[in-house]
Amino acid sequence: MCLAIPGRIESITDPAPATRRGRVDFGGVVKEIHLVFVPEAEVGDYVLAHVGCAISRIDEEVAVRTLAELSGDAP
C-alpha cells in the first residue's frame, strides 16, 4: 500500500522532459519533486505525489478537501 499526498505546483524548476522537476506546495510545506510522469501538469495544477514523484494530476476541489482532511480542518 502507498500514500500519495496532493500538492499544488508553484513553479517548474527543470523543464527538460527527462528530468522535469518543480516546486510543489503540500499545504504549507514546499518541496521540489519530479514531474516526469505528469508532462501535462503546469504551474497552478494539483498533483498527487508519492516518494518525491508526481504520479497524476487531480482536481483542485478534491485536492483542497483531501489536504483539509489530512490537517484535521475538515468539517
C-alpha atoms as a PDB file:
ATOM      1  CA  MET A   1       0.000   0.000   0.000  1.00  0.00           C
ATOM      2  CA  CYS A   2       1.219   3.507  -0.735  1.00  0.00           C
ATOM      3  CA  LEU A   3       0.256   7.005   0.325  1.00  0.00           C
ATOM      4  CA  ALA A   4       0.089   9.848  -2.182  1.00  0.00           C
ATOM      5  CA  ILE A   5      -0.285  13.448  -0.986  1.00  0.00           C
ATOM      6  CA  PRO A   6      -1.887  16.252  -3.031  1.00  0.00           C
ATOM      7  CA  GLY A   7       0.080  19.395  -3.734  1.00  0.00           C
ATOM      8  CA  ARG A   8      -0.084  22.494  -5.954  1.00  0.00           C
ATOM      9  CA  ILE A   9       2.703  23.176  -8.438  1.00  0.00           C
ATOM     10  CA  GLU A  10       4.249  26.577  -7.666  1.00  0.00           C
ATOM     11  CA  SER A  11       6.967  26.567 -10.314  1.00  0.00           C
ATOM     12  CA  ILE A  12       8.734  24.373 -12.843  1.00  0.00           C
ATOM     13  CA  THR A  13      12.426  24.351 -11.943  1.00  0.00           C
ATOM     14  CA  ASP A  14      13.653  21.991 -14.685  1.00  0.00           C
ATOM     15  CA  PRO A  15      11.528  21.808 -17.846  1.00  0.00           C
ATOM     16  CA  ALA A  16      13.610  19.160 -19.659  1.00  0.00           C
ATOM     17  CA  PRO A  17      11.323  16.167 -20.394  1.00  0.00           C
ATOM     18  CA  ALA A  18      13.697  13.528 -18.970  1.00  0.00           C
ATOM     19  CA  THR A  19      14.434  15.405 -15.727  1.00  0.00           C
ATOM     20  CA  ARG A  20      11.334  17.612 -15.278  1.00  0.00           C
ATOM     21  CA  ARG A  21      11.040  18.928 -11.693  1.00  0.00           C
ATOM     22  CA  GLY A  22       9.028  21.546  -9.889  1.00  0.00           C
ATOM     23  CA  ARG A  23       8.375  23.173  -6.520  1.00  0.00           C
ATOM     24  CA  VAL A  24       5.132  21.851  -5.059  1.00  0.00           C
ATOM     25  CA  ASP A  25       3.218  23.177  -2.048  1.00  0.00           C
ATOM     26  CA  PHE A  26       1.768  20.440   0.165  1.00  0.00           C
ATOM     27  CA  GLY A  27      -0.438  22.542   2.428  1.00  0.00           C
ATOM     28  CA  GLY A  28       2.365  24.861   3.535  1.00  0.00           C
ATOM     29  CA  VAL A  29       5.320  22.511   3.080  1.00  0.00           C
ATOM     30  CA  VAL A  30       7.106  23.196  -0.210  1.00  0.00           C
ATOM     31  CA  LYS A  31       9.297  20.507  -1.781  1.00  0.00           C
ATOM     32  CA  GLU A  32      10.958  20.036  -5.141  1.00  0.00           C
ATOM     33  CA  ILE A  33       9.672  16.847  -6.754  1.00  0.00           C
ATOM     34  CA  HIS A  34       9.940  15.043 -10.094  1.00  0.00           C
ATOM     35  CA  LEU A  35       7.229  15.819 -12.657  1.00  0.00           C
ATOM     36  CA  VAL A  36       8.377  13.378 -15.351  1.00  0.00           C
ATOM     37  CA  PHE A  37       5.250  11.201 -15.047  1.00  0.00           C
ATOM     38  CA  VAL A  38       2.871  14.173 -15.496  1.00  0.00           C
ATOM     39  CA  PRO A  39       4.173  16.033 -18.562  1.00  0.00           C
ATOM     40  CA  GLU A  40       0.797  17.760 -18.972  1.00  0.00           C
ATOM     41  CA  ALA A  41       0.909  19.336 -15.481  1.00  0.00           C
ATOM     42  CA  GLU A  42       1.580  23.068 -15.321  1.00  0.00           C
ATOM     43  CA  VAL A  43       2.025  25.764 -12.660  1.00  0.00           C
ATOM     44  CA  GLY A  44      -1.197  26.017 -10.631  1.00  0.00           C
ATOM     45  CA  ASP A  45      -2.230  22.388 -11.212  1.00  0.00           C
ATOM     46  CA  TYR A  46      -2.668  19.945  -8.359  1.00  0.00           C
ATOM     47  CA  VAL A  47      -0.837  16.635  -8.433  1.00  0.00           C
ATOM     48  CA  LEU A  48      -0.648  13.529  -6.287  1.00  0.00           C
ATOM     49  CA  ALA A  49       2.913  12.870  -5.135  1.00  0.00           C
ATOM     50  CA  HIS A  50       4.444   9.662  -3.837  1.00  0.00           C
ATOM     51  CA  VAL A  51       8.094   9.342  -2.771  1.00  0.00           C
ATOM     52  CA  GLY A  52       9.151  12.592  -4.437  1.00  0.00           C
ATOM     53  CA  CYS A  53       7.381  11.970  -7.754  1.00  0.00           C
ATOM     54  CA  ALA A  54       4.094  13.358  -9.027  1.00  0.00           C
ATOM     55  CA  ILE A  55       2.102  10.364 -10.244  1.00  0.00           C
ATOM     56  CA  SER A  56      -1.070  12.060 -11.541  1.00  0.00           C
ATOM     57  CA  ARG A  57      -2.926  15.347 -11.876  1.00  0.00           C
ATOM     58  CA  ILE A  58      -6.021  15.761  -9.733  1.00  0.00           C
ATOM     59  CA  ASP A  59      -8.987  18.093  -9.485  1.00  0.00           C
ATOM     60  CA  GLU A  60      -8.474  21.188  -7.302  1.00  0.00           C
ATOM     61  CA  GLU A  61     -11.632  20.556  -5.246  1.00  0.00           C
ATOM     62  CA  VAL A  62     -10.531  17.021  -4.394  1.00  0.00           C
ATOM     63  CA  ALA A  63      -7.010  18.201  -3.527  1.00  0.00           C
ATOM     64  CA  VAL A  64      -8.210  21.000  -1.233  1.00  0.00           C
ATOM     65  CA  ARG A  65     -10.687  18.682   0.530  1.00  0.00           C
ATOM     66  CA  THR A  66      -8.014  15.993   0.998  1.00  0.00           C
ATOM     67  CA  LEU A  67      -5.478  18.480   2.407  1.00  0.00           C
ATOM     68  CA  ALA A  68      -8.141  19.754   4.852  1.00  0.00           C
ATOM     69  CA  GLU A  69      -8.880  16.206   5.998  1.00  0.00           C
ATOM     70  CA  LEU A  70      -5.196  15.407   6.454  1.00  0.00           C
ATOM     71  CA  SER A  71      -4.643  18.562   8.515  1.00  0.00           C
ATOM     72  CA  GLY A  72      -7.717  17.970  10.671  1.00  0.00           C
ATOM     73  CA  ASP A  73      -9.503  21.092   9.371  1.00  0.00           C
ATOM     74  CA  ALA A  74     -12.300  19.249   7.561  1.00  0.00           C
ATOM     75  CA  PRO A  75     -15.848  19.751   8.851  1.00  0.00           C
END
